[in-house]
C-alpha atoms as a PDB file:
ATOM      1  CA  UNK A   1       7.548  -6.777  14.134  1.00  0.00           C
ATOM      2  CA  UNK A   2       8.090  -3.888  11.872  1.00  0.00           C
ATOM      3  CA  UNK A   3       5.482  -3.356   9.304  1.00  0.00           C
ATOM      4  CA  UNK A   4       6.179  -1.481   6.064  1.00  0.00           C
ATOM      5  CA  UNK A   5       3.564  -0.511   3.470  1.00  0.00           C
ATOM      6  CA  UNK A   6       4.604   0.692  -0.316  1.00  0.00           C
ATOM      7  CA  UNK A   7       2.458   1.866  -2.450  1.00  0.00           C
ATOM      8  CA  UNK A   8       3.318   1.780  -6.265  1.00  0.00           C
ATOM      9  CA  UNK A   9       1.266   3.882  -8.553  1.00  0.00           C
ATOM     10  CA  UNK A  10       1.699   6.328 -11.634  1.00  0.00           C
ATOM     11  CA  UNK A  11       0.085   9.838 -12.710  1.00  0.00           C
ATOM     12  CA  UNK A  12      -0.912   8.501 -16.115  1.00  0.00           C
ATOM     13  CA  UNK A  13      -3.033   5.414 -14.315  1.00  0.00           C
ATOM     14  CA  UNK A  14      -6.654   6.002 -14.288  1.00  0.00           C
ATOM     15  CA  UNK A  15      -7.290   3.518 -11.327  1.00  0.00           C
ATOM     16  CA  UNK A  16      -4.583   4.960  -9.360  1.00  0.00           C
ATOM     17  CA  UNK A  17      -6.068   8.439  -9.375  1.00  0.00           C
ATOM     18  CA  UNK A  18      -8.849   6.850  -7.107  1.00  0.00           C
ATOM     19  CA  UNK A  19      -6.894   4.139  -5.304  1.00  0.00           C
ATOM     20  CA  UNK A  20      -3.948   6.428  -4.252  1.00  0.00           C
ATOM     21  CA  UNK A  21      -5.923   9.045  -2.219  1.00  0.00           C
ATOM     22  CA  UNK A  22      -7.879   6.084  -0.621  1.00  0.00           C
ATOM     23  CA  UNK A  23      -4.873   4.297   0.493  1.00  0.00           C
ATOM     24  CA  UNK A  24      -3.279   7.427   1.705  1.00  0.00           C
ATOM     25  CA  UNK A  25      -6.335   8.292   3.926  1.00  0.00           C
ATOM     26  CA  UNK A  26      -6.232   4.599   5.377  1.00  0.00           C
ATOM     27  CA  UNK A  27      -2.538   5.068   6.276  1.00  0.00           C
ATOM     28  CA  UNK A  28      -3.326   8.282   8.041  1.00  0.00           C
ATOM     29  CA  UNK A  29      -4.825   5.870  10.685  1.00  0.00           C
ATOM     30  CA  UNK A  30      -1.720   3.510  10.729  1.00  0.00           C
ATOM     31  CA  UNK A  31       0.074   2.428  14.034  1.00  0.00           C
ATOM     32  CA  UNK A  32       3.017   3.964  15.335  1.00  0.00           C
ATOM     33  CA  UNK A  33       6.111   2.355  13.982  1.00  0.00           C
ATOM     34  CA  UNK A  34       4.289   1.432  10.666  1.00  0.00           C
ATOM     35  CA  UNK A  35       6.198   3.001   7.641  1.00  0.00           C
ATOM     36  CA  UNK A  36       4.109   3.991   4.550  1.00  0.00           C
ATOM     37  CA  UNK A  37       6.119   4.775   1.367  1.00  0.00           C
ATOM     38  CA  UNK A  38       4.750   5.708  -2.311  1.00  0.00           C
ATOM     39  CA  UNK A  39       6.608   5.240  -5.483  1.00  0.00           C
ATOM     40  CA  UNK A  40       5.901   6.432  -8.823  1.00  0.00           C
ATOM     41  CA  UNK A  41       6.188   3.981 -11.605  1.00  0.00           C
ATOM     42  CA  UNK A  42       7.754   6.449 -14.190  1.00  0.00           C
ATOM     43  CA  UNK A  43      10.259   7.855 -11.372  1.00  0.00           C
ATOM     44  CA  UNK A  44      11.124   4.883  -9.303  1.00  0.00           C
ATOM     45  CA  UNK A  45      11.591   2.280 -11.855  1.00  0.00           C
ATOM     46  CA  UNK A  46      14.542   0.461 -10.090  1.00  0.00           C
ATOM     47  CA  UNK A  47      12.721  -0.346  -6.895  1.00  0.00           C
ATOM     48  CA  UNK A  48       9.568  -1.594  -9.145  1.00  0.00           C
ATOM     49  CA  UNK A  49      12.161  -4.025 -10.656  1.00  0.00           C
ATOM     50  CA  UNK A  50      13.588  -4.942  -7.528  1.00  0.00           C
ATOM     51  CA  UNK A  51      10.374  -5.948  -6.215  1.00  0.00           C
ATOM     52  CA  UNK A  52       8.884  -7.577  -9.304  1.00  0.00           C
ATOM     53  CA  UNK A  53       6.181  -4.918  -9.476  1.00  0.00           C
ATOM     54  CA  UNK A  54       4.829  -5.176 -13.183  1.00  0.00           C
ATOM     55  CA  UNK A  55       1.592  -3.243 -12.828  1.00  0.00           C
ATOM     56  CA  UNK A  56       0.051  -0.370 -11.069  1.00  0.00           C
ATOM     57  CA  UNK A  57      -1.414   0.326  -8.574  1.00  0.00           C
ATOM     58  CA  UNK A  58       0.331  -2.263  -6.447  1.00  0.00           C
ATOM     59  CA  UNK A  59       0.666  -2.296  -2.517  1.00  0.00           C
ATOM     60  CA  UNK A  60       3.164  -4.336  -0.921  1.00  0.00           C
ATOM     61  CA  UNK A  61       3.128  -5.338   2.611  1.00  0.00           C
ATOM     62  CA  UNK A  62       6.248  -6.150   4.510  1.00  0.00           C
ATOM     63  CA  UNK A  63       6.659  -7.554   7.871  1.00  0.00           C
ATOM     64  CA  UNK A  64      10.398  -7.349   9.296  1.00  0.00           C
ATOM     65  CA  UNK A  65      11.597  -6.781   5.767  1.00  0.00           C
ATOM     66  CA  UNK A  66      10.088  -9.827   4.288  1.00  0.00           C
ATOM     67  CA  UNK A  67       7.204  -9.427   1.916  1.00  0.00           C
ATOM     68  CA  UNK A  68       4.206 -11.012   3.448  1.00  0.00           C
ATOM     69  CA  UNK A  69       1.166  -9.637   1.110  1.00  0.00           C
ATOM     70  CA  UNK A  70       0.558  -7.754  -2.016  1.00  0.00           C
ATOM     71  CA  UNK A  71      -2.519  -6.267  -3.550  1.00  0.00           C
ATOM     72  CA  UNK A  72      -2.336  -6.048  -7.509  1.00  0.00           C
ATOM     73  CA  UNK A  73      -4.785  -3.451  -9.005  1.00  0.00           C
ATOM     74  CA  UNK A  74      -7.171  -1.386  -7.363  1.00  0.00           C
ATOM     75  CA  UNK A  75      -9.355  -3.307  -5.000  1.00  0.00           C
ATOM     76  CA  UNK A  76     -12.340  -2.256  -2.994  1.00  0.00           C
ATOM     77  CA  UNK A  77     -11.655  -0.371   0.247  1.00  0.00           C
ATOM     78  CA  UNK A  78     -12.847  -3.104   2.377  1.00  0.00           C
ATOM     79  CA  UNK A  79     -10.453  -5.529   0.917  1.00  0.00           C
ATOM     80  CA  UNK A  80      -7.476  -3.094   1.266  1.00  0.00           C
ATOM     81  CA  UNK A  81      -8.665  -2.693   4.998  1.00  0.00           C
ATOM     82  CA  UNK A  82      -8.771  -6.163   5.549  1.00  0.00           C
ATOM     83  CA  UNK A  83      -5.096  -6.673   4.354  1.00  0.00           C
ATOM     84  CA  UNK A  84      -3.705  -4.044   6.406  1.00  0.00           C
ATOM     85  CA  UNK A  85      -5.615  -4.844   9.436  1.00  0.00           C
ATOM     86  CA  UNK A  86      -4.635  -8.573   8.880  1.00  0.00           C
ATOM     87  CA  UNK A  87      -0.717  -7.476   9.260  1.00  0.00           C
ATOM     88  CA  UNK A  88      -1.478  -4.947  12.097  1.00  0.00           C
ATOM     89  CA  UNK A  89      -0.844  -1.777   9.958  1.00  0.00           C
ATOM     90  CA  UNK A  90      -3.879   0.069  11.007  1.00  0.00           C
ATOM     91  CA  UNK A  91      -4.982   1.741  14.277  1.00  0.00           C
ATOM     92  CA  UNK A  92      -8.300   2.506  15.465  1.00  0.00           C
ATOM     93  CA  UNK A  93     -10.212   0.224  13.006  1.00  0.00           C
ATOM     94  CA  UNK A  94     -13.556   1.447  14.342  1.00  0.00           C
ATOM     95  CA  UNK A  95     -13.067   4.989  12.818  1.00  0.00           C
ATOM     96  CA  UNK A  96     -12.373   3.613   9.327  1.00  0.00           C
ATOM     97  CA  UNK A  97     -14.881   4.618   6.982  1.00  0.00           C
END
């Protein structure tokens, strides 16, 4: 099982300015082997189109190269944690605050 987490945001996006640092902090506690990548909507248009991302922020989770979940728009931290834990992306679940 290979988990990949891709975050799509933009510098001009107000909600992204809060959401992006939160996701970065959560991903600091990711399990070994979990890949995390960030993309900017204005610089990485090709991958946005390829994955059908139409708004930011968007968080896309892949398991063995297949998209298994997607969070569109900024959500509560607890919701993001639940999704990432569901797919085994996060380590030490007790220390996440």
